[in-house]
Every structure is written in C-alpha cells, then in structure tokens.
Amino acid sequence: LRELLREVLREELLRELLRELLRELLRELLREELLREELLREELLREELLREELLREERLRGFVILGTIPLNVKC
C-alpha cells in the first residue's frame, strides 16, 4: 500500500512539474510574440518616416526644378 501511495504521489508531482514547465513555456512564447510585434511596429514606423522624408525631398526637388520655392512649404 505504501509503495502504491508513493507511486501515486510521484506521478502527481511529475504532473505538477510538467504543468509548471508548460506555463513557463507559454509565458516565454508570449514574451517572444510581444517582442516580435514591437519590432514590427518599430519597422513600420521607420518605413513611414522614410516615406515622408522621400516625399519631402521630391517636393523640394520639384520646386527647385521649377525655379521657385514657395515660402509656406512645410518640410
């Protein structure tokens, strides 16, 4: 009977350890996913800023080609 009880307790302990490991794994996966999302947001922001900068340069180049730069141009 003691041996049976010991075996049951051992199995229960192993199940609890496995649950804890799975919880930790899920937390780590969530952290990685959040980090990937943050990096993607930063990359999208950099691309948007670059697009805006290129548009400003194009506008200025167009004004220079025409020979006039209006005073109210926002750069």
PDB file of N, CA and C in Angstrom:
ATOM      1  N   LEU A   1       0.834  -1.203   0.000  1.00  0.00           N
ATOM      2  CA  LEU A   1       0.000   0.000   0.000  1.00  0.00           C
ATOM      3  C   LEU A   1       0.876   1.263   0.000  1.00  0.00           C
ATOM      4  N   ARG A   2       1.949   1.239   0.817  1.00  0.00           N
ATOM      5  CA  ARG A   2       2.858   2.389   0.842  1.00  0.00           C
ATOM      6  C   ARG A   2       3.493   2.624  -0.522  1.00  0.00           C
ATOM      7  N   GLU A   3       3.894   1.549  -1.129  1.00  0.00           N
ATOM      8  CA  GLU A   3       4.518   1.660  -2.450  1.00  0.00           C
ATOM      9  C   GLU A   3       3.541   2.260  -3.467  1.00  0.00           C
ATOM     10  N   LEU A   4       2.316   1.848  -3.397  1.00  0.00           N
ATOM     11  CA  LEU A   4       1.285   2.391  -4.286  1.00  0.00           C
ATOM     12  C   LEU A   4       1.077   3.887  -4.020  1.00  0.00           C
ATOM     13  N   LEU A   5       1.010   4.246  -2.766  1.00  0.00           N
ATOM     14  CA  LEU A   5       0.855   5.651  -2.394  1.00  0.00           C
ATOM     15  C   LEU A   5       2.055   6.472  -2.876  1.00  0.00           C
ATOM     16  N   ARG A   6       3.243   5.934  -2.695  1.00  0.00           N
ATOM     17  CA  ARG A   6       4.460   6.604  -3.141  1.00  0.00           C
ATOM     18  C   ARG A   6       4.424   6.827  -4.660  1.00  0.00           C
ATOM     19  N   GLU A   7       4.004   5.823  -5.382  1.00  0.00           N
ATOM     20  CA  GLU A   7       3.922   5.913  -6.842  1.00  0.00           C
ATOM     21  C   GLU A   7       2.899   6.974  -7.270  1.00  0.00           C
ATOM     22  N   VAL A   8       1.762   7.000  -6.614  1.00  0.00           N
ATOM     23  CA  VAL A   8       0.727   7.992  -6.920  1.00  0.00           C
ATOM     24  C   VAL A   8       1.254   9.402  -6.637  1.00  0.00           C
ATOM     25  N   LEU A   9       1.927   9.572  -5.516  1.00  0.00           N
ATOM     26  CA  LEU A   9       2.481  10.886  -5.177  1.00  0.00           C
ATOM     27  C   LEU A   9       3.553  11.311  -6.177  1.00  0.00           C
ATOM     28  N   ARG A  10       4.371  10.391  -6.576  1.00  0.00           N
ATOM     29  CA  ARG A  10       5.424  10.672  -7.550  1.00  0.00           C
ATOM     30  C   ARG A  10       4.802  11.111  -8.883  1.00  0.00           C
ATOM     31  N   GLU A  11       3.775  10.405  -9.304  1.00  0.00           N
ATOM     32  CA  GLU A  11       3.104  10.771 -10.556  1.00  0.00           C
ATOM     33  C   GLU A  11       2.445  12.142 -10.453  1.00  0.00           C
ATOM     34  N   GLU A  12       1.847  12.404  -9.321  1.00  0.00           N
ATOM     35  CA  GLU A  12       1.213  13.715  -9.124  1.00  0.00           C
ATOM     36  C   GLU A  12       2.263  14.827  -9.144  1.00  0.00           C
ATOM     37  N   LEU A  13       3.379  14.588  -8.499  1.00  0.00           N
ATOM     38  CA  LEU A  13       4.469  15.564  -8.501  1.00  0.00           C
ATOM     39  C   LEU A  13       4.979  15.790  -9.923  1.00  0.00           C
ATOM     40  N   LEU A  14       5.137  14.731 -10.666  1.00  0.00           N
ATOM     41  CA  LEU A  14       5.596  14.860 -12.048  1.00  0.00           C
ATOM     42  C   LEU A  14       4.589  15.644 -12.898  1.00  0.00           C
ATOM     43  N   ARG A  15       3.320  15.380 -12.701  1.00  0.00           N
ATOM     44  CA  ARG A  15       2.295  16.135 -13.437  1.00  0.00           C
ATOM     45  C   ARG A  15       2.348  17.622 -13.084  1.00  0.00           C
ATOM     46  N   GLU A  16       2.526  17.914 -11.817  1.00  0.00           N
ATOM     47  CA  GLU A  16       2.609  19.319 -11.388  1.00  0.00           C
ATOM     48  C   GLU A  16       3.850  19.991 -11.983  1.00  0.00           C
ATOM     49  N   LEU A  17       4.961  19.294 -11.988  1.00  0.00           N
ATOM     50  CA  LEU A  17       6.176  19.847 -12.603  1.00  0.00           C
ATOM     51  C   LEU A  17       5.967  20.096 -14.093  1.00  0.00           C
ATOM     52  N   LEU A  18       5.327  19.175 -14.744  1.00  0.00           N
ATOM     53  CA  LEU A  18       5.048  19.333 -16.166  1.00  0.00           C
ATOM     54  C   LEU A  18       4.132  20.532 -16.417  1.00  0.00           C
ATOM     55  N   ARG A  19       3.112  20.699 -15.606  1.00  0.00           N
ATOM     56  CA  ARG A  19       2.228  21.864 -15.742  1.00  0.00           C
ATOM     57  C   ARG A  19       3.004  23.168 -15.561  1.00  0.00           C
ATOM     58  N   GLU A  20       3.883  23.182 -14.578  1.00  0.00           N
ATOM     59  CA  GLU A  20       4.679  24.390 -14.339  1.00  0.00           C
ATOM     60  C   GLU A  20       5.609  24.674 -15.518  1.00  0.00           C
ATOM     61  N   LEU A  21       6.218  23.649 -16.052  1.00  0.00           N
ATOM     62  CA  LEU A  21       7.080  23.830 -17.228  1.00  0.00           C
ATOM     63  C   LEU A  21       6.280  24.347 -18.425  1.00  0.00           C
ATOM     64  N   LEU A  22       5.099  23.819 -18.612  1.00  0.00           N
ATOM     65  CA  LEU A  22       4.251  24.284 -19.713  1.00  0.00           C
ATOM     66  C   LEU A  22       3.831  25.739 -19.524  1.00  0.00           C
ATOM     67  N   ARG A  23       3.506  26.115 -18.300  1.00  0.00           N
ATOM     68  CA  ARG A  23       3.158  27.519 -18.030  1.00  0.00           C
ATOM     69  C   ARG A  23       4.344  28.431 -18.341  1.00  0.00           C
ATOM     70  N   GLU A  24       5.524  28.019 -17.923  1.00  0.00           N
ATOM     71  CA  GLU A  24       6.719  28.824 -18.185  1.00  0.00           C
ATOM     72  C   GLU A  24       6.985  28.924 -19.689  1.00  0.00           C
ATOM     73  N   LEU A  25       6.808  27.840 -20.386  1.00  0.00           N
ATOM     74  CA  LEU A  25       6.987  27.847 -21.838  1.00  0.00           C
ATOM     75  C   LEU A  25       5.988  28.798 -22.506  1.00  0.00           C
ATOM     76  N   LEU A  26       4.748  28.757 -22.081  1.00  0.00           N
ATOM     77  CA  LEU A  26       3.742  29.666 -22.634  1.00  0.00           C
ATOM     78  C   LEU A  26       4.072  31.128 -22.345  1.00  0.00           C
ATOM     79  N   ARG A  27       4.551  31.403 -21.138  1.00  0.00           N
ATOM     80  CA  ARG A  27       4.950  32.780 -20.810  1.00  0.00           C
ATOM     81  C   ARG A  27       6.090  33.236 -21.717  1.00  0.00           C
ATOM     82  N   GLU A  28       7.056  32.364 -21.935  1.00  0.00           N
ATOM     83  CA  GLU A  28       8.192  32.699 -22.794  1.00  0.00           C
ATOM     84  C   GLU A  28       7.735  32.928 -24.241  1.00  0.00           C
ATOM     85  N   LEU A  29       6.841  32.086 -24.719  1.00  0.00           N
ATOM     86  CA  LEU A  29       6.321  32.261 -26.081  1.00  0.00           C
ATOM     87  C   LEU A  29       5.565  33.580 -26.212  1.00  0.00           C
ATOM     88  N   LEU A  30       4.810  33.929 -25.203  1.00  0.00           N
ATOM     89  CA  LEU A  30       4.083  35.195 -25.215  1.00  0.00           C
ATOM     90  C   LEU A  30       5.053  36.377 -25.226  1.00  0.00           C
ATOM     91  N   ARG A  31       6.096  36.307 -24.404  1.00  0.00           N
ATOM     92  CA  ARG A  31       7.104  37.382 -24.400  1.00  0.00           C
ATOM     93  C   ARG A  31       7.731  37.535 -25.779  1.00  0.00           C
ATOM     94  N   GLU A  32       8.082  36.406 -26.405  1.00  0.00           N
ATOM     95  CA  GLU A  32       8.683  36.461 -27.739  1.00  0.00           C
ATOM     96  C   GLU A  32       7.720  37.057 -28.755  1.00  0.00           C
ATOM     97  N   GLU A  33       6.467  36.677 -28.679  1.00  0.00           N
ATOM     98  CA  GLU A  33       5.463  37.208 -29.611  1.00  0.00           C
ATOM     99  C   GLU A  33       5.287  38.710 -29.414  1.00  0.00           C
ATOM    100  N   LEU A  34       5.242  39.153 -28.165  1.00  0.00           N
ATOM    101  CA  LEU A  34       5.116  40.587 -27.889  1.00  0.00           C
ATOM    102  C   LEU A  34       6.331  41.347 -28.402  1.00  0.00           C
ATOM    103  N   LEU A  35       7.503  40.765 -28.241  1.00  0.00           N
ATOM    104  CA  LEU A  35       8.724  41.392 -28.737  1.00  0.00           C
ATOM    105  C   LEU A  35       8.698  41.488 -30.262  1.00  0.00           C
ATOM    106  N   ARG A  36       8.262  40.413 -30.924  1.00  0.00           N
ATOM    107  CA  ARG A  36       8.160  40.447 -32.392  1.00  0.00           C
ATOM    108  C   ARG A  36       7.184  41.535 -32.848  1.00  0.00           C
ATOM    109  N   GLU A  37       6.062  41.652 -32.162  1.00  0.00           N
ATOM    110  CA  GLU A  37       5.090  42.693 -32.516  1.00  0.00           C
ATOM    111  C   GLU A  37       5.684  44.082 -32.336  1.00  0.00           C
ATOM    112  N   GLU A  38       6.423  44.283 -31.263  1.00  0.00           N
ATOM    113  CA  GLU A  38       7.052  45.582 -31.015  1.00  0.00           C
ATOM    114  C   GLU A  38       8.080  45.894 -32.105  1.00  0.00           C
ATOM    115  N   LEU A  39       8.886  44.913 -32.475  1.00  0.00           N
ATOM    116  CA  LEU A  39       9.873  45.122 -33.536  1.00  0.00           C
ATOM    117  C   LEU A  39       9.188  45.435 -34.863  1.00  0.00           C
ATOM    118  N   LEU A  40       8.094  44.766 -35.143  1.00  0.00           N
ATOM    119  CA  LEU A  40       7.350  45.033 -36.374  1.00  0.00           C
ATOM    120  C   LEU A  40       6.789  46.456 -36.369  1.00  0.00           C
ATOM    121  N   ARG A  41       6.238  46.889 -35.234  1.00  0.00           N
ATOM    122  CA  ARG A  41       5.730  48.268 -35.139  1.00  0.00           C
ATOM    123  C   ARG A  41       6.853  49.277 -35.380  1.00  0.00           C
ATOM    124  N   GLU A  42       8.021  49.027 -34.796  1.00  0.00           N
ATOM    125  CA  GLU A  42       9.155  49.935 -34.992  1.00  0.00           C
ATOM    126  C   GLU A  42       9.575  49.977 -36.455  1.00  0.00           C
ATOM    127  N   GLU A  43       9.612  48.821 -37.105  1.00  0.00           N
ATOM    128  CA  GLU A  43       9.984  48.759 -38.517  1.00  0.00           C
ATOM    129  C   GLU A  43       8.972  49.516 -39.381  1.00  0.00           C
ATOM    130  N   LEU A  44       7.687  49.337 -39.095  1.00  0.00           N
ATOM    131  CA  LEU A  44       6.658  50.062 -39.848  1.00  0.00           C
ATOM    132  C   LEU A  44       6.788  51.572 -39.646  1.00  0.00           C
ATOM    133  N   LEU A  45       7.096  51.980 -38.433  1.00  0.00           N
ATOM    134  CA  LEU A  45       7.285  53.403 -38.161  1.00  0.00           C
ATOM    135  C   LEU A  45       8.488  53.947 -38.931  1.00  0.00           C
ATOM    136  N   ARG A  46       9.596  53.188 -38.939  1.00  0.00           N
ATOM    137  CA  ARG A  46      10.776  53.620 -39.701  1.00  0.00           C
ATOM    138  C   ARG A  46      10.442  53.757 -41.188  1.00  0.00           C
ATOM    139  N   GLU A  47       9.702  52.796 -41.731  1.00  0.00           N
ATOM    140  CA  GLU A  47       9.320  52.865 -43.148  1.00  0.00           C
ATOM    141  C   GLU A  47       8.450  54.087 -43.420  1.00  0.00           C
ATOM    142  N   GLU A  48       7.515  54.370 -42.531  1.00  0.00           N
ATOM    143  CA  GLU A  48       6.643  55.535 -42.704  1.00  0.00           C
ATOM    144  C   GLU A  48       7.457  56.829 -42.654  1.00  0.00           C
ATOM    145  N   LEU A  49       8.391  56.917 -41.709  1.00  0.00           N
ATOM    146  CA  LEU A  49       9.236  58.114 -41.620  1.00  0.00           C
ATOM    147  C   LEU A  49      10.089  58.272 -42.870  1.00  0.00           C
ATOM    148  N   LEU A  50      10.607  57.174 -43.379  1.00  0.00           N
ATOM    149  CA  LEU A  50      11.411  57.221 -44.600  1.00  0.00           C
ATOM    150  C   LEU A  50      10.557  57.680 -45.784  1.00  0.00           C
ATOM    151  N   ARG A  51       9.332  57.153 -45.886  1.00  0.00           N
ATOM    152  CA  ARG A  51       8.420  57.577 -46.963  1.00  0.00           C
ATOM    153  C   ARG A  51       8.151  59.083 -46.887  1.00  0.00           C
ATOM    154  N   GLU A  52       7.896  59.567 -45.674  1.00  0.00           N
ATOM    155  CA  GLU A  52       7.645  61.004 -45.506  1.00  0.00           C
ATOM    156  C   GLU A  52       8.862  61.825 -45.919  1.00  0.00           C
ATOM    157  N   GLU A  53      10.044  61.364 -45.542  1.00  0.00           N
ATOM    158  CA  GLU A  53      11.276  62.071 -45.904  1.00  0.00           C
ATOM    159  C   GLU A  53      11.466  62.084 -47.422  1.00  0.00           C
ATOM    160  N   LEU A  54      11.210  60.952 -48.064  1.00  0.00           N
ATOM    161  CA  LEU A  54      11.340  60.893 -49.526  1.00  0.00           C
ATOM    162  C   LEU A  54      10.330  61.815 -50.211  1.00  0.00           C
ATOM    163  N   LEU A  55       9.112  61.877 -49.690  1.00  0.00           N
ATOM    164  CA  LEU A  55       8.110  62.787 -50.259  1.00  0.00           C
ATOM    165  C   LEU A  55       8.541  64.243 -50.118  1.00  0.00           C
ATOM    166  N   ARG A  56       9.093  64.599 -48.959  1.00  0.00           N
ATOM    167  CA  ARG A  56       9.582  65.973 -48.759  1.00  0.00           C
ATOM    168  C   ARG A  56      10.682  66.299 -49.763  1.00  0.00           C
ATOM    169  N   GLU A  57      11.619  65.360 -49.936  1.00  0.00           N
ATOM    170  CA  GLU A  57      12.712  65.581 -50.892  1.00  0.00           C
ATOM    171  C   GLU A  57      12.171  65.735 -52.310  1.00  0.00           C
ATOM    172  N   GLU A  58      11.198  64.912 -52.681  1.00  0.00           N
ATOM    173  CA  GLU A  58      10.599  65.006 -54.018  1.00  0.00           C
ATOM    174  C   GLU A  58       9.932  66.359 -54.219  1.00  0.00           C
ATOM    175  N   ARG A  59       9.194  66.812 -53.207  1.00  0.00           N
ATOM    176  CA  ARG A  59       8.535  68.119 -53.315  1.00  0.00           C
ATOM    177  C   ARG A  59       9.562  69.232 -53.498  1.00  0.00           C
ATOM    178  N   LEU A  60      10.611  69.195 -52.676  1.00  0.00           N
ATOM    179  CA  LEU A  60      11.647  70.231 -52.789  1.00  0.00           C
ATOM    180  C   LEU A  60      12.335  70.167 -54.141  1.00  0.00           C
ATOM    181  N   ARG A  61      12.617  68.968 -54.615  1.00  0.00           N
ATOM    182  CA  ARG A  61      13.260  68.818 -55.918  1.00  0.00           C
ATOM    183  C   ARG A  61      12.353  69.388 -57.017  1.00  0.00           C
ATOM    184  N   GLY A  62      11.070  69.140 -56.909  1.00  0.00           N
ATOM    185  CA  GLY A  62      10.125  69.680 -57.885  1.00  0.00           C
ATOM    186  C   GLY A  62      10.109  71.197 -57.878  1.00  0.00           C
ATOM    187  N   PHE A  63      10.171  71.808 -56.701  1.00  0.00           N
ATOM    188  CA  PHE A  63      10.185  73.265 -56.617  1.00  0.00           C
ATOM    189  C   PHE A  63      11.480  73.821 -57.182  1.00  0.00           C
ATOM    190  N   VAL A  64      12.590  73.156 -56.926  1.00  0.00           N
ATOM    191  CA  VAL A  64      13.881  73.628 -57.432  1.00  0.00           C
ATOM    192  C   VAL A  64      13.887  73.550 -58.954  1.00  0.00           C
ATOM    193  N   ILE A  65      13.340  72.465 -59.503  1.00  0.00           N
ATOM    194  CA  ILE A  65      13.283  72.319 -60.955  1.00  0.00           C
ATOM    195  C   ILE A  65      12.453  73.451 -61.564  1.00  0.00           C
ATOM    196  N   LEU A  66      11.360  73.797 -60.926  1.00  0.00           N
ATOM    197  CA  LEU A  66      10.523  74.883 -61.429  1.00  0.00           C
ATOM    198  C   LEU A  66      11.158  76.251 -61.189  1.00  0.00           C
ATOM    199  N   GLY A  67      12.167  76.293 -60.330  1.00  0.00           N
ATOM    200  CA  GLY A  67      12.856  77.546 -60.063  1.00  0.00           C
ATOM    201  C   GLY A  67      12.210  78.382 -58.982  1.00  0.00           C
ATOM    202  N   THR A  68      11.196  77.851 -58.327  1.00  0.00           N
ATOM    203  CA  THR A  68      10.555  78.613 -57.255  1.00  0.00           C
ATOM    204  C   THR A  68      10.341  77.719 -56.047  1.00  0.00           C
ATOM    205  N   ILE A  69      10.573  78.275 -54.890  1.00  0.00           N
ATOM    206  CA  ILE A  69      10.284  77.568 -53.644  1.00  0.00           C
ATOM    207  C   ILE A  69       9.332  78.460 -52.852  1.00  0.00           C
ATOM    208  N   PRO A  70       8.064  78.092 -52.789  1.00  0.00           N
ATOM    209  CA  PRO A  70       7.114  78.911 -52.016  1.00  0.00           C
ATOM    210  C   PRO A  70       7.551  79.037 -50.556  1.00  0.00           C
ATOM    211  N   LEU A  71       7.260  80.173 -49.964  1.00  0.00           N
ATOM    212  CA  LEU A  71       7.671  80.423 -48.586  1.00  0.00           C
ATOM    213  C   LEU A  71       6.883  79.597 -47.584  1.00  0.00           C
ATOM    214  N   ASN A  72       5.724  79.116 -47.948  1.00  0.00           N
ATOM    215  CA  ASN A  72       4.907  78.382 -46.983  1.00  0.00           C
ATOM    216  C   ASN A  72       5.050  76.862 -47.114  1.00  0.00           C
ATOM    217  N   VAL A  73       6.100  76.383 -47.748  1.00  0.00           N
ATOM    218  CA  VAL A  73       6.319  74.936 -47.879  1.00  0.00           C
ATOM    219  C   VAL A  73       6.703  74.371 -46.526  1.00  0.00           C
ATOM    220  N   LYS A  74       6.011  73.316 -46.120  1.00  0.00           N
ATOM    221  CA  LYS A  74       6.337  72.657 -44.852  1.00  0.00           C
ATOM    222  C   LYS A  74       7.264  71.490 -45.149  1.00  0.00           C
ATOM    223  N   CYS A  75       8.436  71.532 -44.574  1.00  0.00           N
ATOM    224  CA  CYS A  75       9.414  70.462 -44.808  1.00  0.00           C
ATOM    225  C   CYS A  75       9.573  69.602 -43.581  1.00  0.00           C
TER     226      CYS A  75
END
